[in-house]
C-alpha atoms as a PDB file:
ATOM      1  CA  UNK A   1       0.000   0.000   0.000  1.00  0.00           C
ATOM      2  CA  UNK A   2       1.384   3.394  -0.994  1.00  0.00           C
ATOM      3  CA  UNK A   3       2.166   5.882   1.737  1.00  0.00           C
ATOM      4  CA  UNK A   4      -0.032   8.961   1.729  1.00  0.00           C
ATOM      5  CA  UNK A   5       0.903  12.613   1.884  1.00  0.00           C
ATOM      6  CA  UNK A   6       0.046  14.338   5.151  1.00  0.00           C
ATOM      7  CA  UNK A   7      -1.088  17.514   3.410  1.00  0.00           C
ATOM      8  CA  UNK A   8      -3.443  15.706   1.033  1.00  0.00           C
ATOM      9  CA  UNK A   9      -4.968  13.673   3.871  1.00  0.00           C
ATOM     10  CA  UNK A  10      -5.615  16.697   6.090  1.00  0.00           C
ATOM     11  CA  UNK A  11      -7.080  18.608   3.159  1.00  0.00           C
ATOM     12  CA  UNK A  12      -9.453  15.735   2.341  1.00  0.00           C
ATOM     13  CA  UNK A  13     -10.556  15.448   5.979  1.00  0.00           C
ATOM     14  CA  UNK A  14     -11.067  19.225   6.175  1.00  0.00           C
ATOM     15  CA  UNK A  15     -13.168  19.288   3.019  1.00  0.00           C
ATOM     16  CA  UNK A  16     -15.241  16.340   4.221  1.00  0.00           C
ATOM     17  CA  UNK A  17     -16.603  18.504   7.041  1.00  0.00           C
ATOM     18  CA  UNK A  18     -16.761  21.591   4.795  1.00  0.00           C
ATOM     19  CA  UNK A  19     -14.498  24.023   6.593  1.00  0.00           C
ATOM     20  CA  UNK A  20     -11.902  26.340   5.083  1.00  0.00           C
ATOM     21  CA  UNK A  21      -8.178  26.477   5.835  1.00  0.00           C
ATOM     22  CA  UNK A  22      -8.845  29.701   7.710  1.00  0.00           C
ATOM     23  CA  UNK A  23     -11.543  28.015   9.830  1.00  0.00           C
ATOM     24  CA  UNK A  24      -9.280  25.077  10.633  1.00  0.00           C
ATOM     25  CA  UNK A  25      -6.377  27.380  11.482  1.00  0.00           C
ATOM     26  CA  UNK A  26      -8.534  29.437  13.842  1.00  0.00           C
ATOM     27  CA  UNK A  27     -10.042  26.379  15.555  1.00  0.00           C
ATOM     28  CA  UNK A  28      -6.599  24.824  16.082  1.00  0.00           C
ATOM     29  CA  UNK A  29      -5.209  28.065  17.493  1.00  0.00           C
ATOM     30  CA  UNK A  30      -8.227  28.489  19.788  1.00  0.00           C
ATOM     31  CA  UNK A  31      -7.816  24.930  21.057  1.00  0.00           C
ATOM     32  CA  UNK A  32      -4.088  25.477  21.583  1.00  0.00           C
ATOM     33  CA  UNK A  33      -4.711  28.653  23.599  1.00  0.00           C
ATOM     34  CA  UNK A  34      -7.338  26.898  25.676  1.00  0.00           C
ATOM     35  CA  UNK A  35      -4.877  24.140  26.529  1.00  0.00           C
ATOM     36  CA  UNK A  36      -1.864  26.468  26.721  1.00  0.00           C
ATOM     37  CA  UNK A  37      -0.133  24.565  23.954  1.00  0.00           C
ATOM     38  CA  UNK A  38       2.553  26.924  22.623  1.00  0.00           C
ATOM     39  CA  UNK A  39       3.686  24.926  19.584  1.00  0.00           C
ATOM     40  CA  UNK A  40       0.598  25.276  17.394  1.00  0.00           C
ATOM     41  CA  UNK A  41       2.136  27.906  15.126  1.00  0.00           C
ATOM     42  CA  UNK A  42       2.158  26.095  11.784  1.00  0.00           C
ATOM     43  CA  UNK A  43       0.081  27.506   8.944  1.00  0.00           C
ATOM     44  CA  UNK A  44      -2.495  24.936   7.840  1.00  0.00           C
ATOM     45  CA  UNK A  45      -1.998  26.093   4.250  1.00  0.00           C
ATOM     46  CA  UNK A  46       1.718  25.240   4.461  1.00  0.00           C
ATOM     47  CA  UNK A  47       0.991  21.769   5.858  1.00  0.00           C
ATOM     48  CA  UNK A  48      -1.514  21.014   3.117  1.00  0.00           C
ATOM     49  CA  UNK A  49       0.900  22.223   0.416  1.00  0.00           C
ATOM     50  CA  UNK A  50       3.855  20.226   1.777  1.00  0.00           C
ATOM     51  CA  UNK A  51       5.856  23.379   2.555  1.00  0.00           C
ATOM     52  CA  UNK A  52       6.014  22.742   6.307  1.00  0.00           C
ATOM     53  CA  UNK A  53       9.161  20.623   6.668  1.00  0.00           C
ATOM     54  CA  UNK A  54       8.486  19.518  10.251  1.00  0.00           C
ATOM     55  CA  UNK A  55       5.084  19.042  11.863  1.00  0.00           C
ATOM     56  CA  UNK A  56       5.137  18.051  15.513  1.00  0.00           C
ATOM     57  CA  UNK A  57       2.857  15.329  16.856  1.00  0.00           C
ATOM     58  CA  UNK A  58       1.375  17.842  19.286  1.00  0.00           C
ATOM     59  CA  UNK A  59       0.274  19.958  16.326  1.00  0.00           C
ATOM     60  CA  UNK A  60      -1.141  16.951  14.483  1.00  0.00           C
ATOM     61  CA  UNK A  61      -3.057  15.957  17.597  1.00  0.00           C
ATOM     62  CA  UNK A  62      -4.726  19.357  17.748  1.00  0.00           C
ATOM     63  CA  UNK A  63      -5.594  19.229  14.031  1.00  0.00           C
ATOM     64  CA  UNK A  64      -6.975  15.693  14.393  1.00  0.00           C
ATOM     65  CA  UNK A  65      -9.217  16.725  17.279  1.00  0.00           C
ATOM     66  CA  UNK A  66     -10.665  19.624  15.297  1.00  0.00           C
ATOM     67  CA  UNK A  67     -11.247  17.333  12.307  1.00  0.00           C
ATOM     68  CA  UNK A  68     -12.649  14.567  14.548  1.00  0.00           C
ATOM     69  CA  UNK A  69      -9.947  12.103  13.490  1.00  0.00           C
ATOM     70  CA  UNK A  70      -7.663   9.699  15.320  1.00  0.00           C
ATOM     71  CA  UNK A  71      -4.293  11.534  15.669  1.00  0.00           C
ATOM     72  CA  UNK A  72      -2.391   8.343  14.839  1.00  0.00           C
ATOM     73  CA  UNK A  73      -3.854   8.563  11.358  1.00  0.00           C
ATOM     74  CA  UNK A  74      -1.489  11.466  10.656  1.00  0.00           C
ATOM     75  CA  UNK A  75       1.626  10.534  12.609  1.00  0.00           C
ATOM     76  CA  UNK A  76       3.375   8.343  10.032  1.00  0.00           C
ATOM     77  CA  UNK A  77       2.267  10.086   6.864  1.00  0.00           C
ATOM     78  CA  UNK A  78       4.810  11.564   4.451  1.00  0.00           C
ATOM     79  CA  UNK A  79       5.317  15.335   4.891  1.00  0.00           C
ATOM     80  CA  UNK A  80       7.610  16.065   1.947  1.00  0.00           C
ATOM     81  CA  UNK A  81       6.056  15.709  -1.542  1.00  0.00           C
ATOM     82  CA  UNK A  82       9.568  15.322  -2.993  1.00  0.00           C
ATOM     83  CA  UNK A  83       9.787  11.853  -1.420  1.00  0.00           C
ATOM     84  CA  UNK A  84       7.132  10.659  -3.838  1.00  0.00           C
ATOM     85  CA  UNK A  85       8.587   9.420  -7.101  1.00  0.00           C
ATOM     86  CA  UNK A  86       6.065  11.236  -9.269  1.00  0.00           C
ATOM     87  CA  UNK A  87       5.497  14.239  -7.049  1.00  0.00           C
ATOM     88  CA  UNK A  88       8.060  16.867  -8.015  1.00  0.00           C
ATOM     89  CA  UNK A  89       8.132  20.335  -6.515  1.00  0.00           C
ATOM     90  CA  UNK A  90       6.181  23.355  -7.691  1.00  0.00           C
ATOM     91  CA  UNK A  91       9.126  25.555  -6.744  1.00  0.00           C
ATOM     92  CA  UNK A  92      12.247  26.316  -8.797  1.00  0.00           C
ATOM     93  CA  UNK A  93      10.955  23.975 -11.490  1.00  0.00           C
ATOM     94  CA  UNK A  94      12.956  24.038 -14.693  1.00  0.00           C
ATOM     95  CA  UNK A  95      10.776  22.493 -17.384  1.00  0.00           C
ATOM     96  CA  UNK A  96      13.356  22.552 -20.172  1.00  0.00           C
ATOM     97  CA  UNK A  97      16.532  24.258 -21.289  1.00  0.00           C
ATOM     98  CA  UNK A  98      14.569  27.314 -22.407  1.00  0.00           C
ATOM     99  CA  UNK A  99      11.922  27.702 -19.702  1.00  0.00           C
ATOM    100  CA  UNK A 100      11.531  27.886 -15.931  1.00  0.00           C
ATOM    101  CA  UNK A 101       8.571  28.239 -13.569  1.00  0.00           C
ATOM    102  CA  UNK A 102       8.006  29.586 -10.063  1.00  0.00           C
ATOM    103  CA  UNK A 103       4.728  28.591  -8.421  1.00  0.00           C
ATOM    104  CA  UNK A 104       3.112  29.976  -5.275  1.00  0.00           C
ATOM    105  CA  UNK A 105      -0.227  29.013  -3.743  1.00  0.00           C
ATOM    106  CA  UNK A 106      -1.824  32.006  -2.051  1.00  0.00           C
ATOM    107  CA  UNK A 107      -4.590  32.335   0.486  1.00  0.00           C
ATOM    108  CA  UNK A 108      -7.675  33.654  -1.390  1.00  0.00           C
ATOM    109  CA  UNK A 109      -7.385  37.176   0.017  1.00  0.00           C
ATOM    110  CA  UNK A 110      -3.718  37.399  -1.057  1.00  0.00           C
ATOM    111  CA  UNK A 111      -4.040  35.929  -4.542  1.00  0.00           C
ATOM    112  CA  UNK A 112      -4.838  39.016  -6.611  1.00  0.00           C
ATOM    113  CA  UNK A 113      -2.202  41.171  -4.911  1.00  0.00           C
ATOM    114  CA  UNK A 114       0.294  38.329  -5.379  1.00  0.00           C
ATOM    115  CA  UNK A 115      -0.544  38.043  -9.077  1.00  0.00           C
ATOM    116  CA  UNK A 116       0.001  41.779  -9.460  1.00  0.00           C
ATOM    117  CA  UNK A 117       3.488  41.669  -7.887  1.00  0.00           C
ATOM    118  CA  UNK A 118       4.550  38.589  -9.869  1.00  0.00           C
ATOM    119  CA  UNK A 119       3.203  40.085 -13.100  1.00  0.00           C
ATOM    120  CA  UNK A 120       5.360  43.189 -12.677  1.00  0.00           C
ATOM    121  CA  UNK A 121       8.436  41.023 -13.270  1.00  0.00           C
ATOM    122  CA  UNK A 122       7.481  41.139 -16.960  1.00  0.00           C
ATOM    123  CA  UNK A 123       8.199  44.886 -16.836  1.00  0.00           C
ATOM    124  CA  UNK A 124      11.591  44.187 -15.251  1.00  0.00           C
ATOM    125  CA  UNK A 125      12.459  41.748 -18.044  1.00  0.00           C
ATOM    126  CA  UNK A 126      11.242  44.205 -20.683  1.00  0.00           C
ATOM    127  CA  UNK A 127      13.515  46.894 -19.229  1.00  0.00           C
ATOM    128  CA  UNK A 128      16.623  44.803 -18.626  1.00  0.00           C
ATOM    129  CA  UNK A 129      16.430  42.395 -21.578  1.00  0.00           C
ATOM    130  CA  UNK A 130      14.764  44.526 -24.230  1.00  0.00           C
ATOM    131  CA  UNK A 131      17.000  43.168 -26.994  1.00  0.00           C
ATOM    132  CA  UNK A 132      16.266  39.518 -26.173  1.00  0.00           C
ATOM    133  CA  UNK A 133      13.435  37.241 -27.219  1.00  0.00           C
ATOM    134  CA  UNK A 134      11.861  36.586 -23.812  1.00  0.00           C
ATOM    135  CA  UNK A 135       8.286  35.752 -22.925  1.00  0.00           C
ATOM    136  CA  UNK A 136       6.944  36.117 -19.367  1.00  0.00           C
ATOM    137  CA  UNK A 137       3.532  34.721 -18.502  1.00  0.00           C
ATOM    138  CA  UNK A 138       1.272  34.155 -15.516  1.00  0.00           C
ATOM    139  CA  UNK A 139      -0.709  30.912 -15.189  1.00  0.00           C
ATOM    140  CA  UNK A 140      -3.465  30.522 -12.618  1.00  0.00           C
ATOM    141  CA  UNK A 141      -5.106  27.386 -11.275  1.00  0.00           C
ATOM    142  CA  UNK A 142      -7.371  28.222  -8.369  1.00  0.00           C
ATOM    143  CA  UNK A 143      -5.190  29.982  -5.812  1.00  0.00           C
ATOM    144  CA  UNK A 144      -2.006  28.569  -7.332  1.00  0.00           C
ATOM    145  CA  UNK A 145      -0.175  31.164  -9.412  1.00  0.00           C
ATOM    146  CA  UNK A 146       2.744  30.274 -11.687  1.00  0.00           C
ATOM    147  CA  UNK A 147       5.250  32.708 -13.172  1.00  0.00           C
ATOM    148  CA  UNK A 148       6.719  31.255 -16.375  1.00  0.00           C
ATOM    149  CA  UNK A 149       9.744  32.630 -18.246  1.00  0.00           C
ATOM    150  CA  UNK A 150      10.649  31.348 -21.714  1.00  0.00           C
ATOM    151  CA  UNK A 151      13.516  32.187 -24.076  1.00  0.00           C
ATOM    152  CA  UNK A 152      15.474  30.184 -26.652  1.00  0.00           C
ATOM    153  CA  UNK A 153      18.744  31.583 -25.232  1.00  0.00           C
ATOM    154  CA  UNK A 154      19.992  29.364 -22.387  1.00  0.00           C
ATOM    155  CA  UNK A 155      22.556  31.837 -21.034  1.00  0.00           C
ATOM    156  CA  UNK A 156      20.005  34.640 -21.065  1.00  0.00           C
ATOM    157  CA  UNK A 157      17.618  32.407 -19.115  1.00  0.00           C
ATOM    158  CA  UNK A 158      20.263  31.958 -16.401  1.00  0.00           C
ATOM    159  CA  UNK A 159      20.723  35.714 -16.148  1.00  0.00           C
ATOM    160  CA  UNK A 160      16.964  36.249 -15.900  1.00  0.00           C
ATOM    161  CA  UNK A 161      16.853  33.624 -13.165  1.00  0.00           C
ATOM    162  CA  UNK A 162      19.397  35.674 -11.185  1.00  0.00           C
ATOM    163  CA  UNK A 163      17.389  38.843 -11.826  1.00  0.00           C
ATOM    164  CA  UNK A 164      14.258  37.100 -10.542  1.00  0.00           C
ATOM    165  CA  UNK A 165      16.121  36.167  -7.372  1.00  0.00           C
ATOM    166  CA  UNK A 166      17.147  39.797  -6.913  1.00  0.00           C
ATOM    167  CA  UNK A 167      13.530  40.804  -7.516  1.00  0.00           C
ATOM    168  CA  UNK A 168      12.498  38.423  -4.737  1.00  0.00           C
ATOM    169  CA  UNK A 169      14.968  40.015  -2.325  1.00  0.00           C
ATOM    170  CA  UNK A 170      13.670  43.480  -3.207  1.00  0.00           C
ATOM    171  CA  UNK A 171      10.046  42.433  -2.670  1.00  0.00           C
ATOM    172  CA  UNK A 172      10.989  40.935   0.714  1.00  0.00           C
ATOM    173  CA  UNK A 173      12.679  44.181   1.682  1.00  0.00           C
ATOM    174  CA  UNK A 174      16.033  42.404   2.011  1.00  0.00           C
ATOM    175  CA  UNK A 175      17.671  44.404  -0.782  1.00  0.00           C
ATOM    176  CA  UNK A 176      17.253  48.087  -1.668  1.00  0.00           C
ATOM    177  CA  UNK A 177      14.787  48.593  -4.475  1.00  0.00           C
ATOM    178  CA  UNK A 178      17.355  50.679  -6.377  1.00  0.00           C
ATOM    179  CA  UNK A 179      19.658  47.636  -6.614  1.00  0.00           C
ATOM    180  CA  UNK A 180      17.285  45.993  -9.067  1.00  0.00           C
ATOM    181  CA  UNK A 181      17.932  48.320 -11.997  1.00  0.00           C
ATOM    182  CA  UNK A 182      19.457  51.604 -13.097  1.00  0.00           C
ATOM    183  CA  UNK A 183      16.210  52.406 -14.886  1.00  0.00           C
ATOM    184  CA  UNK A 184      14.749  55.104 -12.632  1.00  0.00           C
ATOM    185  CA  UNK A 185      11.346  54.921 -14.284  1.00  0.00           C
ATOM    186  CA  UNK A 186      11.168  51.170 -13.614  1.00  0.00           C
ATOM    187  CA  UNK A 187      12.120  51.703  -9.960  1.00  0.00           C
ATOM    188  CA  UNK A 188       9.470  54.392  -9.579  1.00  0.00           C
ATOM    189  CA  UNK A 189       6.846  52.135 -11.155  1.00  0.00           C
ATOM    190  CA  UNK A 190       7.800  49.244  -8.869  1.00  0.00           C
ATOM    191  CA  UNK A 191       7.488  51.442  -5.781  1.00  0.00           C
ATOM    192  CA  UNK A 192       4.039  52.496  -6.991  1.00  0.00           C
ATOM    193  CA  UNK A 193       3.082  48.883  -7.693  1.00  0.00           C
ATOM    194  CA  UNK A 194       4.005  47.770  -4.170  1.00  0.00           C
ATOM    195  CA  UNK A 195       2.082  50.668  -2.641  1.00  0.00           C
ATOM    196  CA  UNK A 196      -0.997  49.986  -4.758  1.00  0.00           C
ATOM    197  CA  UNK A 197      -0.971  46.258  -3.982  1.00  0.00           C
ATOM    198  CA  UNK A 198      -0.760  47.106  -0.279  1.00  0.00           C
ATOM    199  CA  UNK A 199      -4.018  49.023  -0.551  1.00  0.00           C
ATOM    200  CA  UNK A 200      -5.536  46.327  -2.744  1.00  0.00           C
ATOM    201  CA  UNK A 201      -4.554  43.692  -0.202  1.00  0.00           C
ATOM    202  CA  UNK A 202      -6.253  45.573   2.622  1.00  0.00           C
ATOM    203  CA  UNK A 203      -9.508  45.922   0.686  1.00  0.00           C
ATOM    204  CA  UNK A 204      -9.576  42.298  -0.441  1.00  0.00           C
ATOM    205  CA  UNK A 205      -8.629  41.072   3.019  1.00  0.00           C
ATOM    206  CA  UNK A 206     -11.473  43.001   4.633  1.00  0.00           C
ATOM    207  CA  UNK A 207     -13.927  41.850   1.967  1.00  0.00           C
ATOM    208  CA  UNK A 208     -12.841  38.227   2.402  1.00  0.00           C
ATOM    209  CA  UNK A 209     -13.242  38.375   6.178  1.00  0.00           C
ATOM    210  CA  UNK A 210     -16.658  39.986   5.891  1.00  0.00           C
ATOM    211  CA  UNK A 211     -17.822  37.306   3.488  1.00  0.00           C
ATOM    212  CA  UNK A 212     -16.485  34.631   5.835  1.00  0.00           C
ATOM    213  CA  UNK A 213     -18.276  36.278   8.767  1.00  0.00           C
ATOM    214  CA  UNK A 214     -14.941  36.437  10.563  1.00  0.00           C
ATOM    215  CA  UNK A 215     -14.364  40.146  10.447  1.00  0.00           C
ATOM    216  CA  UNK A 216     -12.852  40.058  13.915  1.00  0.00           C
ATOM    217  CA  UNK A 217      -9.947  38.227  12.301  1.00  0.00           C
ATOM    218  CA  UNK A 218      -8.555  41.499  10.991  1.00  0.00           C
ATOM    219  CA  UNK A 219      -6.475  41.844  14.146  1.00  0.00           C
ATOM    220  CA  UNK A 220      -3.538  41.503  11.784  1.00  0.00           C
ATOM    221  CA  UNK A 221      -2.805  45.069  10.806  1.00  0.00           C
ATOM    222  CA  UNK A 222      -2.134  46.064   7.226  1.00  0.00           C
ATOM    223  CA  UNK A 223       1.616  46.265   7.753  1.00  0.00           C
ATOM    224  CA  UNK A 224       1.759  42.659   8.985  1.00  0.00           C
ATOM    225  CA  UNK A 225      -0.396  41.472   6.081  1.00  0.00           C
ATOM    226  CA  UNK A 226       1.843  43.190   3.546  1.00  0.00           C
ATOM    227  CA  UNK A 227       5.003  41.800   5.170  1.00  0.00           C
ATOM    228  CA  UNK A 228       3.532  38.310   5.093  1.00  0.00           C
ATOM    229  CA  UNK A 229       2.633  38.604   1.403  1.00  0.00           C
ATOM    230  CA  UNK A 230       6.021  40.043   0.433  1.00  0.00           C
ATOM    231  CA  UNK A 231       7.934  37.397   2.394  1.00  0.00           C
ATOM    232  CA  UNK A 232       5.803  34.632   0.873  1.00  0.00           C
ATOM    233  CA  UNK A 233       6.569  35.845  -2.651  1.00  0.00           C
ATOM    234  CA  UNK A 234      10.215  36.702  -2.039  1.00  0.00           C
ATOM    235  CA  UNK A 235      11.134  33.433  -0.341  1.00  0.00           C
ATOM    236  CA  UNK A 236       9.690  31.487  -3.279  1.00  0.00           C
ATOM    237  CA  UNK A 237      11.779  33.441  -5.794  1.00  0.00           C
ATOM    238  CA  UNK A 238      15.123  33.346  -3.971  1.00  0.00           C
ATOM    239  CA  UNK A 239      17.607  30.451  -4.177  1.00  0.00           C
ATOM    240  CA  UNK A 240      18.915  29.440  -0.751  1.00  0.00           C
ATOM    241  CA  UNK A 241      22.084  27.331  -0.544  1.00  0.00           C
ATOM    242  CA  UNK A 242      22.748  27.681   3.196  1.00  0.00           C
ATOM    243  CA  UNK A 243      20.477  28.150   6.182  1.00  0.00           C
ATOM    244  CA  UNK A 244      22.312  31.385   6.914  1.00  0.00           C
ATOM    245  CA  UNK A 245      21.203  32.680   3.497  1.00  0.00           C
ATOM    246  CA  UNK A 246      17.683  32.814   4.916  1.00  0.00           C
ATOM    247  CA  UNK A 247      18.932  34.770   7.921  1.00  0.00           C
ATOM    248  CA  UNK A 248      20.881  37.185   5.740  1.00  0.00           C
ATOM    249  CA  UNK A 249      17.731  37.868   3.722  1.00  0.00           C
ATOM    250  CA  UNK A 250      16.055  39.053   6.921  1.00  0.00           C
ATOM    251  CA  UNK A 251      18.821  40.902   8.767  1.00  0.00           C
ATOM    252  CA  UNK A 252      20.356  44.097   7.356  1.00  0.00           C
ATOM    253  CA  UNK A 253      23.695  43.588   5.572  1.00  0.00           C
ATOM    254  CA  UNK A 254      25.580  46.083   7.716  1.00  0.00           C
ATOM    255  CA  UNK A 255      24.640  44.289  10.917  1.00  0.00           C
ATOM    256  CA  UNK A 256      25.730  40.957   9.477  1.00  0.00           C
ATOM    257  CA  UNK A 257      29.138  42.313   8.515  1.00  0.00           C
ATOM    258  CA  UNK A 258      29.852  43.984  11.844  1.00  0.00           C
ATOM    259  CA  UNK A 259      28.400  42.313  14.898  1.00  0.00           C
ATOM    260  CA  UNK A 260      26.668  39.092  13.944  1.00  0.00           C
ATOM    261  CA  UNK A 261      29.224  37.140  11.941  1.00  0.00           C
ATOM    262  CA  UNK A 262      30.169  34.885  14.870  1.00  0.00           C
ATOM    263  CA  UNK A 263      26.534  33.973  15.460  1.00  0.00           C
ATOM    264  CA  UNK A 264      26.049  33.273  11.744  1.00  0.00           C
ATOM    265  CA  UNK A 265      29.162  31.097  11.631  1.00  0.00           C
ATOM    266  CA  UNK A 266      27.851  29.054  14.563  1.00  0.00           C
ATOM    267  CA  UNK A 267      24.474  28.530  12.929  1.00  0.00           C
ATOM    268  CA  UNK A 268      26.094  27.668   9.591  1.00  0.00           C
ATOM    269  CA  UNK A 269      28.234  24.949  11.195  1.00  0.00           C
ATOM    270  CA  UNK A 270      25.386  23.368  13.148  1.00  0.00           C
ATOM    271  CA  UNK A 271      22.453  23.787  10.741  1.00  0.00           C
ATOM    272  CA  UNK A 272      22.702  20.291   9.244  1.00  0.00           C
ATOM    273  CA  UNK A 273      24.307  18.563  12.240  1.00  0.00           C
ATOM    274  CA  UNK A 274      22.784  15.853  14.405  1.00  0.00           C
ATOM    275  CA  UNK A 275      21.016  16.952  17.552  1.00  0.00           C
ATOM    276  CA  UNK A 276      22.950  17.377  20.790  1.00  0.00           C
ATOM    277  CA  UNK A 277      21.996  19.404  23.839  1.00  0.00           C
ATOM    278  CA  UNK A 278      25.113  21.527  23.408  1.00  0.00           C
ATOM    279  CA  UNK A 279      24.319  22.246  19.747  1.00  0.00           C
ATOM    280  CA  UNK A 280      20.765  23.272  20.644  1.00  0.00           C
ATOM    281  CA  UNK A 281      22.054  25.703  23.278  1.00  0.00           C
ATOM    282  CA  UNK A 282      24.519  27.253  20.808  1.00  0.00           C
ATOM    283  CA  UNK A 283      21.859  27.658  18.126  1.00  0.00           C
ATOM    284  CA  UNK A 284      19.389  29.239  20.557  1.00  0.00           C
ATOM    285  CA  UNK A 285      22.079  31.579  21.922  1.00  0.00           C
ATOM    286  CA  UNK A 286      23.035  32.670  18.388  1.00  0.00           C
ATOM    287  CA  UNK A 287      19.412  33.278  17.405  1.00  0.00           C
ATOM    288  CA  UNK A 288      18.840  35.297  20.574  1.00  0.00           C
ATOM    289  CA  UNK A 289      21.893  37.413  19.769  1.00  0.00           C
ATOM    290  CA  UNK A 290      20.520  38.187  16.314  1.00  0.00           C
ATOM    291  CA  UNK A 291      17.083  38.903  17.776  1.00  0.00           C
ATOM    292  CA  UNK A 292      18.669  41.405  20.164  1.00  0.00           C
ATOM    293  CA  UNK A 293      20.358  43.209  17.274  1.00  0.00           C
ATOM    294  CA  UNK A 294      17.346  42.939  14.962  1.00  0.00           C
ATOM    295  CA  UNK A 295      14.064  42.887  16.984  1.00  0.00           C
ATOM    296  CA  UNK A 296      11.344  40.765  15.398  1.00  0.00           C
ATOM    297  CA  UNK A 297      13.935  38.612  13.639  1.00  0.00           C
ATOM    298  CA  UNK A 298      12.800  35.247  15.055  1.00  0.00           C
ATOM    299  CA  UNK A 299       9.173  35.799  14.083  1.00  0.00           C
ATOM    300  CA  UNK A 300      10.170  36.774  10.545  1.00  0.00           C
ATOM    301  CA  UNK A 301      12.588  33.844  10.313  1.00  0.00           C
ATOM    302  CA  UNK A 302       9.877  31.334  11.223  1.00  0.00           C
ATOM    303  CA  UNK A 303       7.443  32.906   8.788  1.00  0.00           C
ATOM    304  CA  UNK A 304      10.053  32.865   6.010  1.00  0.00           C
ATOM    305  CA  UNK A 305      10.999  29.243   6.692  1.00  0.00           C
ATOM    306  CA  UNK A 306       7.362  28.184   6.443  1.00  0.00           C
ATOM    307  CA  UNK A 307       7.255  29.689   2.955  1.00  0.00           C
ATOM    308  CA  UNK A 308      10.468  28.010   1.752  1.00  0.00           C
ATOM    309  CA  UNK A 309       9.772  24.899  -0.387  1.00  0.00           C
ATOM    310  CA  UNK A 310      10.127  21.669   1.605  1.00  0.00           C
ATOM    311  CA  UNK A 311      12.531  20.226  -0.955  1.00  0.00           C
ATOM    312  CA  UNK A 312      14.834  23.228  -0.471  1.00  0.00           C
ATOM    313  CA  UNK A 313      14.562  23.472   3.310  1.00  0.00           C
ATOM    314  CA  UNK A 314      15.406  19.805   3.811  1.00  0.00           C
ATOM    315  CA  UNK A 315      18.877  20.512   2.403  1.00  0.00           C
ATOM    316  CA  UNK A 316      19.446  23.585   4.570  1.00  0.00           C
ATOM    317  CA  UNK A 317      18.527  22.606   8.120  1.00  0.00           C
ATOM    318  CA  UNK A 318      18.101  19.436  10.158  1.00  0.00           C
ATOM    319  CA  UNK A 319      14.568  18.716  11.426  1.00  0.00           C
ATOM    320  CA  UNK A 320      15.573  19.438  15.024  1.00  0.00           C
ATOM    321  CA  UNK A 321      16.636  22.966  14.020  1.00  0.00           C
ATOM    322  CA  UNK A 322      13.183  23.611  12.600  1.00  0.00           C
ATOM    323  CA  UNK A 323      11.500  22.139  15.682  1.00  0.00           C
ATOM    324  CA  UNK A 324      13.671  24.344  17.896  1.00  0.00           C
ATOM    325  CA  UNK A 325      12.672  27.437  15.951  1.00  0.00           C
ATOM    326  CA  UNK A 326       8.935  26.957  16.292  1.00  0.00           C
ATOM    327  CA  UNK A 327       9.315  26.371  20.051  1.00  0.00           C
ATOM    328  CA  UNK A 328      10.992  29.762  20.618  1.00  0.00           C
ATOM    329  CA  UNK A 329       8.488  32.307  21.990  1.00  0.00           C
ATOM    330  CA  UNK A 330       7.788  34.971  19.386  1.00  0.00           C
END
């Protein structure tokens, strides 16, 4: 009998009782607060999509109770879609020598704003590669949005891939917007686009919550919503080769160079190591040092990690590192 994917199973159980991801998320969080369970921080959407690299049994138990299922049903299911022979990842998918895709699945209230930001990359390509035969398209399937870039020139495609990564860093706020291009008109238009999508996001978010009769859920202020959207998009466009690359995308470059290099070196050495009590203490101490220098860092790090494709994250950090992160009070 073939092993099942955790995300697919939870999604099927959720749909069988006709509740949304948002409803399930809220019910799990309410149950966790009631029982003072501090680890229920995972986004249901990330579990269902296979992005969450580690899901603790305590979290699965809470989800199972809300879905009226036996928790053991979920315990041994496969988390990572990449472990299925025919699965493949939606992220960083190179279809052929002349085409690549980037796919992101958005929550309904984020989808249109996300499409708008991804679509603007066509303007970047038009500005920076005006003399090349390049086609940029957006494909949509429900809430899944795919950015596709095609060109017959292989070397040009590699350069565009690097530009897309830079675009992701800019959207995340991890690189200055002016670093994207010397075209001042393009930079001005991008600033306008990000401002407009922020307003659009607020309106769609409020409309979605009203329709869902959960208007009280707008406790997330607009700034937090925009940050979440930008980090979701950016982290799916950027190539990470080391766990510290994720940290560097969150912390300002000047702070990294001056006062945090020792902490980064420690994390880099231990990120893919086996668990020991001493290693856990060193990692936590290093993260706390960075948090002190850059307040809000840990919360942003966890949120960014949850948006990183499972197939990528599995090569950057051991499961115990990820478990340690979600247990740190935010």
